[in-house]
C-alpha atoms as a PDB file:
ATOM      1  CA  MET A   1     160.117 153.895  99.490  1.00  0.00           C
ATOM      2  CA  THR A   2     162.720 155.489 101.756  1.00  0.00           C
ATOM      3  CA  ARG A   3     166.279 156.034 100.577  1.00  0.00           C
ATOM      4  CA  SER A   4     168.930 157.196 103.009  1.00  0.00           C
ATOM      5  CA  PHE A   5     172.492 157.193 101.818  1.00  0.00           C
ATOM      6  CA  MET A   6     175.706 159.172 101.769  1.00  0.00           C
ATOM      7  CA  PRO A   7     176.858 160.525  98.396  1.00  0.00           C
ATOM      8  CA  THR A   8     178.984 158.051  96.449  1.00  0.00           C
ATOM      9  CA  SER A   9     181.627 160.770  96.098  1.00  0.00           C
ATOM     10  CA  THR A  10     182.146 160.673  99.883  1.00  0.00           C
ATOM     11  CA  CYS A  11     183.173 156.995  99.874  1.00  0.00           C
ATOM     12  CA  LEU A  12     185.191 157.461  96.676  1.00  0.00           C
ATOM     13  CA  GLY A  13     187.006 160.429  98.196  1.00  0.00           C
ATOM     14  CA  ALA A  14     187.841 158.411 101.302  1.00  0.00           C
ATOM     15  CA  THR A  15     189.170 155.590  99.146  1.00  0.00           C
ATOM     16  CA  VAL A  16     191.427 157.890  97.134  1.00  0.00           C
ATOM     17  CA  ALA A  17     192.695 159.597 100.300  1.00  0.00           C
ATOM     18  CA  ILE A  18     193.646 156.318 102.004  1.00  0.00           C
ATOM     19  CA  VAL A  19     195.341 154.859  98.932  1.00  0.00           C
ATOM     20  CA  THR A  20     197.231 158.127  98.319  1.00  0.00           C
ATOM     21  CA  LEU A  21     198.402 158.156 101.937  1.00  0.00           C
ATOM     22  CA  VAL A  22     199.787 154.631 101.661  1.00  0.00           C
ATOM     23  CA  LEU A  23     201.568 155.358  98.374  1.00  0.00           C
ATOM     24  CA  ALA A  24     203.015 158.610  99.753  1.00  0.00           C
ATOM     25  CA  MET A  25     204.619 156.880 102.733  1.00  0.00           C
ATOM     26  CA  PRO A  26     208.414 156.605 102.510  1.00  0.00           C
ATOM     27  CA  THR A  27     209.615 153.153 101.500  1.00  0.00           C
ATOM     28  CA  PRO A  28     210.869 151.349 104.638  1.00  0.00           C
ATOM     29  CA  ALA A  29     214.502 150.237 104.735  1.00  0.00           C
ATOM     30  CA  GLY A  30     213.346 146.626 104.928  1.00  0.00           C
ATOM     31  CA  ALA A  31     211.473 146.906 101.632  1.00  0.00           C
ATOM     32  CA  GLN A  32     214.303 145.739  99.437  1.00  0.00           C
ATOM     33  CA  GLU A  33     214.147 145.532  95.675  1.00  0.00           C
ATOM     34  CA  VAL A  34     211.957 142.803  94.212  1.00  0.00           C
ATOM     35  CA  ALA A  35     214.313 141.158  91.760  1.00  0.00           C
ATOM     36  CA  GLY A  36     213.402 139.737  88.376  1.00  0.00           C
ATOM     37  CA  SER A  37     214.674 139.674  84.789  1.00  0.00           C
ATOM     38  CA  VAL A  38     212.854 141.074  81.761  1.00  0.00           C
ATOM     39  CA  GLY A  39     210.111 138.772  80.538  1.00  0.00           C
ATOM     40  CA  GLN A  40     210.298 136.648  83.668  1.00  0.00           C
ATOM     41  CA  GLN A  41     207.062 135.440  85.263  1.00  0.00           C
ATOM     42  CA  VAL A  42     207.270 134.946  89.026  1.00  0.00           C
ATOM     43  CA  LYS A  43     204.747 133.135  91.234  1.00  0.00           C
ATOM     44  CA  LEU A  44     204.325 134.794  94.640  1.00  0.00           C
ATOM     45  CA  SER A  45     201.341 132.977  96.157  1.00  0.00           C
ATOM     46  CA  GLY A  46     200.929 132.569  99.900  1.00  0.00           C
ATOM     47  CA  PRO A  47     198.669 132.856 102.966  1.00  0.00           C
ATOM     48  CA  ARG A  48     196.986 136.068 104.086  1.00  0.00           C
ATOM     49  CA  VAL A  49     195.686 137.081 107.515  1.00  0.00           C
ATOM     50  CA  GLY A  50     194.305 140.349 108.807  1.00  0.00           C
ATOM     51  CA  VAL A  51     191.270 142.305 109.916  1.00  0.00           C
ATOM     52  CA  THR A  52     188.420 144.114 108.147  1.00  0.00           C
ATOM     53  CA  PHE A  53     186.438 147.110 109.371  1.00  0.00           C
ATOM     54  CA  LEU A  54     182.763 147.107 108.343  1.00  0.00           C
ATOM     55  CA  SER A  55     180.759 150.335 108.292  1.00  0.00           C
ATOM     56  CA  ASP A  56     177.362 150.374 110.037  1.00  0.00           C
ATOM     57  CA  SER A  57     175.435 149.969 106.773  1.00  0.00           C
ATOM     58  CA  ILE A  58     177.429 146.840 105.875  1.00  0.00           C
ATOM     59  CA  VAL A  59     176.716 145.373 109.328  1.00  0.00           C
ATOM     60  CA  GLU A  60     172.997 146.157 108.854  1.00  0.00           C
ATOM     61  CA  LYS A  61     172.959 144.528 105.411  1.00  0.00           C
ATOM     62  CA  LEU A  62     174.572 141.367 106.792  1.00  0.00           C
ATOM     63  CA  LYS A  63     172.075 141.320 109.665  1.00  0.00           C
ATOM     64  CA  ASP A  64     169.254 141.485 107.107  1.00  0.00           C
ATOM     65  CA  ASN A  65     170.805 138.334 105.626  1.00  0.00           C
ATOM     66  CA  ASP A  66     170.720 136.680 109.088  1.00  0.00           C
ATOM     67  CA  ILE A  67     174.463 137.187 109.600  1.00  0.00           C
ATOM     68  CA  ASP A  68     175.182 138.926 112.910  1.00  0.00           C
ATOM     69  CA  VAL A  69     178.704 140.344 113.251  1.00  0.00           C
ATOM     70  CA  GLY A  70     180.451 143.318 114.809  1.00  0.00           C
ATOM     71  CA  SER A  71     182.264 146.167 113.073  1.00  0.00           C
ATOM     72  CA  PHE A  72     185.557 144.249 112.931  1.00  0.00           C
ATOM     73  CA  VAL A  73     186.086 140.722 111.595  1.00  0.00           C
ATOM     74  CA  THR A  74     189.250 138.673 111.179  1.00  0.00           C
ATOM     75  CA  GLN A  75     190.335 137.415 107.778  1.00  0.00           C
ATOM     76  CA  PHE A  76     192.169 134.230 106.806  1.00  0.00           C
ATOM     77  CA  GLY A  77     192.862 133.178 103.257  1.00  0.00           C
ATOM     78  CA  TRP A  78     195.200 132.692 100.331  1.00  0.00           C
ATOM     79  CA  GLN A  79     196.512 134.962  97.604  1.00  0.00           C
ATOM     80  CA  PHE A  80     197.383 133.547  94.169  1.00  0.00           C
ATOM     81  CA  GLU A  81     199.786 135.973  92.528  1.00  0.00           C
ATOM     82  CA  ARG A  82     201.821 136.251  89.338  1.00  0.00           C
ATOM     83  CA  GLN A  83     204.323 139.016  88.706  1.00  0.00           C
ATOM     84  CA  PHE A  84     205.516 139.954  85.195  1.00  0.00           C
ATOM     85  CA  HIS A  85     208.749 141.911  84.738  1.00  0.00           C
ATOM     86  CA  THR A  86     208.704 144.246  81.728  1.00  0.00           C
ATOM     87  CA  SER A  87     212.068 146.015  82.136  1.00  0.00           C
ATOM     88  CA  GLU A  88     215.273 145.795  84.137  1.00  0.00           C
ATOM     89  CA  ASN A  89     214.633 148.860  86.310  1.00  0.00           C
ATOM     90  CA  GLY A  90     210.952 149.600  85.803  1.00  0.00           C
ATOM     91  CA  PRO A  91     207.881 148.384  87.689  1.00  0.00           C
ATOM     92  CA  ALA A  92     206.442 144.904  87.314  1.00  0.00           C
ATOM     93  CA  LEU A  93     202.871 144.084  86.340  1.00  0.00           C
ATOM     94  CA  VAL A  94     200.923 142.073  88.904  1.00  0.00           C
ATOM     95  CA  THR A  95     197.739 140.006  88.790  1.00  0.00           C
ATOM     96  CA  GLU A  96     196.274 138.545  91.978  1.00  0.00           C
ATOM     97  CA  TRP A  97     193.367 136.409  93.139  1.00  0.00           C
ATOM     98  CA  VAL A  98     192.618 136.885  96.851  1.00  0.00           C
ATOM     99  CA  LEU A  99     190.259 134.410  98.544  1.00  0.00           C
ATOM    100  CA  LEU A 100     189.332 135.146 102.166  1.00  0.00           C
ATOM    101  CA  ALA A 101     187.161 133.699 104.925  1.00  0.00           C
ATOM    102  CA  GLY A 102     186.038 136.340 107.416  1.00  0.00           C
ATOM    103  CA  GLY A 103     184.239 136.339 110.743  1.00  0.00           C
ATOM    104  CA  THR A 104     185.216 132.861 111.926  1.00  0.00           C
ATOM    105  CA  GLU A 105     186.033 134.248 115.386  1.00  0.00           C
ATOM    106  CA  GLN A 106     182.346 135.258 115.635  1.00  0.00           C
ATOM    107  CA  GLY A 107     181.028 131.896 114.461  1.00  0.00           C
ATOM    108  CA  VAL A 108     180.146 133.002 110.918  1.00  0.00           C
ATOM    109  CA  PHE A 109     181.606 132.451 107.451  1.00  0.00           C
ATOM    110  CA  LEU A 110     181.950 135.521 105.236  1.00  0.00           C
ATOM    111  CA  PRO A 111     183.586 134.508 101.945  1.00  0.00           C
ATOM    112  CA  SER A 112     185.293 137.127  99.812  1.00  0.00           C
ATOM    113  CA  ALA A 113     186.888 136.872  96.362  1.00  0.00           C
ATOM    114  CA  SER A 114     188.882 139.624  94.641  1.00  0.00           C
ATOM    115  CA  TRP A 115     190.714 139.781  91.328  1.00  0.00           C
ATOM    116  CA  LEU A 116     193.296 142.557  91.280  1.00  0.00           C
ATOM    117  CA  VAL A 117     195.468 143.938  88.489  1.00  0.00           C
ATOM    118  CA  GLY A 118     198.188 146.463  89.187  1.00  0.00           C
ATOM    119  CA  VAL A 119     201.860 147.421  89.330  1.00  0.00           C
ATOM    120  CA  ARG A 120     204.712 146.922  91.813  1.00  0.00           C
ATOM    121  CA  THR A 121     207.853 149.048  91.873  1.00  0.00           C
ATOM    122  CA  ARG A 122     211.372 147.651  92.291  1.00  0.00           C
ATOM    123  CA  LYS A 123     211.190 148.819  95.918  1.00  0.00           C
ATOM    124  CA  GLY A 124     208.100 146.673  96.561  1.00  0.00           C
ATOM    125  CA  VAL A 125     205.457 149.438  96.644  1.00  0.00           C
ATOM    126  CA  GLU A 126     202.301 148.375  94.825  1.00  0.00           C
ATOM    127  CA  PHE A 127     198.855 149.553  93.757  1.00  0.00           C
ATOM    128  CA  ALA A 128     196.051 147.459  92.249  1.00  0.00           C
ATOM    129  CA  VAL A 129     192.318 147.581  91.507  1.00  0.00           C
ATOM    130  CA  GLY A 130     189.691 145.037  90.545  1.00  0.00           C
ATOM    131  CA  PRO A 131     186.296 143.476  91.262  1.00  0.00           C
ATOM    132  CA  ASN A 132     185.311 142.097  94.657  1.00  0.00           C
ATOM    133  CA  VAL A 133     182.427 139.734  95.486  1.00  0.00           C
ATOM    134  CA  THR A 134     181.041 139.075  99.000  1.00  0.00           C
ATOM    135  CA  PRO A 135     177.649 138.246 100.583  1.00  0.00           C
ATOM    136  CA  VAL A 136     176.784 141.977 100.488  1.00  0.00           C
ATOM    137  CA  GLY A 137     177.250 142.139  96.717  1.00  0.00           C
ATOM    138  CA  ALA A 138     179.827 143.094  94.096  1.00  0.00           C
ATOM    139  CA  ALA A 139     181.996 146.213  94.196  1.00  0.00           C
ATOM    140  CA  LEU A 140     185.335 147.658  93.133  1.00  0.00           C
ATOM    141  CA  VAL A 141     188.326 147.213  95.445  1.00  0.00           C
ATOM    142  CA  ALA A 142     191.398 149.457  95.493  1.00  0.00           C
ATOM    143  CA  ALA A 143     194.501 148.211  97.281  1.00  0.00           C
ATOM    144  CA  ALA A 144     197.946 149.578  98.056  1.00  0.00           C
ATOM    145  CA  GLY A 145     200.857 148.241 100.041  1.00  0.00           C
ATOM    146  CA  VAL A 146     204.503 147.380 100.337  1.00  0.00           C
ATOM    147  CA  THR A 147     206.446 144.120 100.323  1.00  0.00           C
ATOM    148  CA  PHE A 148     209.241 143.618 102.852  1.00  0.00           C
ATOM    149  CA  ARG A 149     211.980 141.034 102.356  1.00  0.00           C
ATOM    150  CA  ALA A 150     213.478 138.852 105.078  1.00  0.00           C
ATOM    151  CA  GLY A 151     216.116 136.637 103.535  1.00  0.00           C
ATOM    152  CA  GLY A 152     214.400 134.666 100.785  1.00  0.00           C
ATOM    153  CA  VAL A 153     210.894 135.363 102.121  1.00  0.00           C
ATOM    154  CA  ASN A 154     208.607 138.206 101.033  1.00  0.00           C
ATOM    155  CA  VAL A 155     206.265 139.743 103.623  1.00  0.00           C
ATOM    156  CA  PRO A 156     203.518 141.793 101.897  1.00  0.00           C
ATOM    157  CA  VAL A 157     201.436 144.298 103.881  1.00  0.00           C
ATOM    158  CA  ASN A 158     198.363 145.673 102.097  1.00  0.00           C
ATOM    159  CA  LEU A 159     195.513 148.072 102.763  1.00  0.00           C
ATOM    160  CA  ALA A 160     192.343 147.462 100.714  1.00  0.00           C
ATOM    161  CA  VAL A 161     189.293 149.718 100.505  1.00  0.00           C
ATOM    162  CA  VAL A 162     185.919 148.627  99.087  1.00  0.00           C
ATOM    163  CA  PRO A 163     183.280 151.391  98.836  1.00  0.00           C
ATOM    164  CA  SER A 164     179.822 150.097  97.925  1.00  0.00           C
ATOM    165  CA  THR A 165     176.109 150.771  98.031  1.00  0.00           C
ATOM    166  CA  VAL A 166     173.929 148.229  99.834  1.00  0.00           C
ATOM    167  CA  SER A 167     170.147 147.915  99.977  1.00  0.00           C
ATOM    168  CA  TRP A 168     167.590 145.816 101.781  1.00  0.00           C
ATOM    169  CA  THR A 169     163.868 145.794 102.558  1.00  0.00           C
ATOM    170  CA  SER A 170     162.564 146.652 106.021  1.00  0.00           C
ATOM    171  CA  TYR A 171     159.045 145.625 107.051  1.00  0.00           C
ATOM    172  CA  GLY A 172     156.995 147.683 109.491  1.00  0.00           C
ATOM    173  CA  GLY A 173     154.704 146.332 112.170  1.00  0.00           C
ATOM    174  CA  PRO A 174     150.921 146.188 112.326  1.00  0.00           C
ATOM    175  CA  PRO A 175     148.562 147.325 111.140  1.00  0.00           C
ATOM    176  CA  SER A 176     150.097 148.264 107.774  1.00  0.00           C
ATOM    177  CA  TYR A 177     153.182 146.002 107.621  1.00  0.00           C
ATOM    178  CA  ARG A 178     154.520 148.487 105.098  1.00  0.00           C
ATOM    179  CA  ALA A 179     157.678 147.471 103.222  1.00  0.00           C
ATOM    180  CA  THR A 180     160.413 150.107 103.050  1.00  0.00           C
ATOM    181  CA  GLU A 181     163.407 149.827 100.761  1.00  0.00           C
ATOM    182  CA  ILE A 182     166.571 151.128 102.397  1.00  0.00           C
ATOM    183  CA  GLU A 183     169.690 152.050 100.444  1.00  0.00           C
ATOM    184  CA  LYS A 184     172.924 153.262 102.013  1.00  0.00           C
ATOM    185  CA  SER A 185     176.550 153.762 101.104  1.00  0.00           C
ATOM    186  CA  GLY A 186     179.062 151.641 102.961  1.00  0.00           C
ATOM    187  CA  VAL A 187     182.728 150.834 103.069  1.00  0.00           C
ATOM    188  CA  ARG A 188     184.992 147.940 104.027  1.00  0.00           C
ATOM    189  CA  VAL A 189     188.625 148.561 104.933  1.00  0.00           C
ATOM    190  CA  SER A 190     190.999 145.602 105.263  1.00  0.00           C
ATOM    191  CA  LEU A 191     194.564 145.411 106.549  1.00  0.00           C
ATOM    192  CA  LEU A 192     196.222 142.168 105.442  1.00  0.00           C
ATOM    193  CA  PHE A 193     199.677 140.661 105.648  1.00  0.00           C
ATOM    194  CA  GLY A 194     201.244 137.338 104.808  1.00  0.00           C
ATOM    195  CA  PHE A 195     204.323 135.735 103.328  1.00  0.00           C
ATOM    196  CA  ASN A 196     205.523 134.066 100.151  1.00  0.00           C
ATOM    197  CA  ALA A 197     208.672 132.954  98.390  1.00  0.00           C
ATOM    198  CA  ARG A 198     209.637 133.159  94.719  1.00  0.00           C
ATOM    199  CA  ARG A 199     208.858 130.065  92.662  1.00  0.00           C
END
């Protein structure tokens, strides 16, 4: 059995660094306050489009599953979101289901489902975490972003990072045909945007 993988702390450190960078960015002028009264529940569902970067180990794992894609795939999907306001001036609690179809531009279908729970400030800056399920397995996703407002329309922009460990079995050639289990750390980084309106 051969195991070749980066330390989990490396992927975790990269995740924390990216999320911290997004949260540390100054709030753009166009990111106006997300209004809502105390106790109010707001539906903010809408379409999502974007692109996902796949590390080499993720590409190899997909290839082992007879799915041949490059390091970048497009994403199209829908986000089901509910926002709960807990105070007049404080942050709102957010729960989201994000369903995506990736890789269609390369003739493949890579489904992805994430359930995120987090917070959003009055200025539209948000952070959330939750489980993610794709053809390469289950993992934890961390996401951060900001919501811009254009009239009565919200335009969310989010960066999501999914560190994971993938494994597959490689078979050698003759005469031994020896099976080797390979395990590697990998990461997926997605940049998504969309639009929604309060309902």
